[in-house]
Amino acid sequence: MAVTRIKLTKRMLADAPLGKGWIKIEDQQVPGLKLYSGKKKKTVYIRRRFKGQNRDFKLCNWEPAVSPD
């Protein structure tokens, strides 16, 4: 899985390509905020500690109406 670190903006989310496999894009400013872009959809996650372990929590499936703010 390719990992890229950039500032997640609404335009970047819209322009993120759908690929053959999963692409992981992490935000530079917000630790743990990331976008997974797959074949058919884009999903936004946040990584936080829960019961002593790091876990990814799904925030939403990205749609053009969703803003990263």
Protein backbone atom coordinates (compact mmCIF):
# COMPACT_ATOMS: atom_id res chain seq x y z
CA MET A 1 0.00 0.00 0.00
CA ALA A 2 1.43 3.36 -1.02
CA VAL A 3 1.50 6.05 1.69
CA THR A 4 1.56 9.76 0.93
CA ARG A 5 1.68 12.63 3.48
CA ILE A 6 0.03 15.89 2.36
CA LYS A 7 -2.42 18.44 3.74
CA LEU A 8 -5.92 17.02 3.28
CA THR A 9 -8.12 19.65 1.65
CA LYS A 10 -11.50 19.40 -0.02
CA ARG A 11 -9.88 19.76 -3.45
CA MET A 12 -7.25 17.09 -2.68
CA LEU A 13 -9.98 14.70 -1.52
CA ALA A 14 -11.92 15.27 -4.73
CA ASP A 15 -8.79 14.80 -6.88
CA ALA A 16 -7.51 11.67 -5.09
CA PRO A 17 -7.53 8.89 -7.67
CA LEU A 18 -9.46 5.68 -7.37
CA GLY A 19 -6.93 2.95 -8.10
CA LYS A 20 -6.42 -0.74 -8.56
CA GLY A 21 -5.64 -1.22 -4.88
CA TRP A 22 -5.82 0.82 -1.70
CA ILE A 23 -3.91 4.12 -1.54
CA LYS A 24 -3.29 5.60 1.91
CA ILE A 25 -3.00 9.40 2.20
CA GLU A 26 -2.14 10.90 5.61
CA ASP A 27 -2.66 14.50 6.71
CA GLN A 28 0.42 16.56 7.63
CA GLN A 29 -1.33 18.79 10.17
CA VAL A 30 -3.71 16.45 12.01
CA PRO A 31 -1.95 13.38 13.42
CA GLY A 32 -3.84 10.20 12.66
CA LEU A 33 -6.19 11.66 10.01
CA LYS A 34 -6.02 9.64 6.80
CA LEU A 35 -7.83 8.87 3.58
CA TYR A 36 -7.96 5.40 2.06
CA SER A 37 -8.77 5.45 -1.65
CA GLY A 38 -9.76 2.13 -3.20
CA LYS A 39 -11.28 0.88 -6.44
CA LYS A 40 -14.78 2.24 -5.84
CA LYS A 41 -14.76 4.56 -2.83
CA LYS A 42 -12.77 6.91 -0.61
CA THR A 43 -12.98 6.55 3.16
CA VAL A 44 -11.73 8.94 5.87
CA TYR A 45 -10.31 7.51 9.13
CA ILE A 46 -8.79 8.88 12.34
CA ARG A 47 -6.27 6.92 14.44
CA ARG A 48 -6.60 7.17 18.23
CA ARG A 49 -5.60 5.14 21.27
CA PHE A 50 -8.39 2.96 22.65
CA LYS A 51 -7.89 0.60 25.59
CA GLY A 52 -4.11 0.91 25.26
CA GLN A 53 -3.94 0.18 21.53
CA ASN A 54 -3.86 2.37 18.41
CA ARG A 55 -7.08 1.88 16.42
CA ASP A 56 -8.46 3.38 13.22
CA PHE A 57 -11.98 4.76 13.50
CA LYS A 58 -14.01 5.36 10.35
CA LEU A 59 -15.31 8.92 10.10
CA CYS A 60 -17.15 8.73 6.77
CA ASN A 61 -17.19 7.62 3.18
CA TRP A 62 -16.06 10.71 1.30
CA GLU A 63 -18.52 12.48 -0.96
CA PRO A 64 -18.06 15.86 -2.69
CA ALA A 65 -20.37 17.53 -0.13
CA VAL A 66 -18.10 16.49 2.78
CA SER A 67 -15.48 19.02 3.89
CA PRO A 68 -12.35 17.97 5.83
CA ASP A 69 -13.04 20.85 8.25
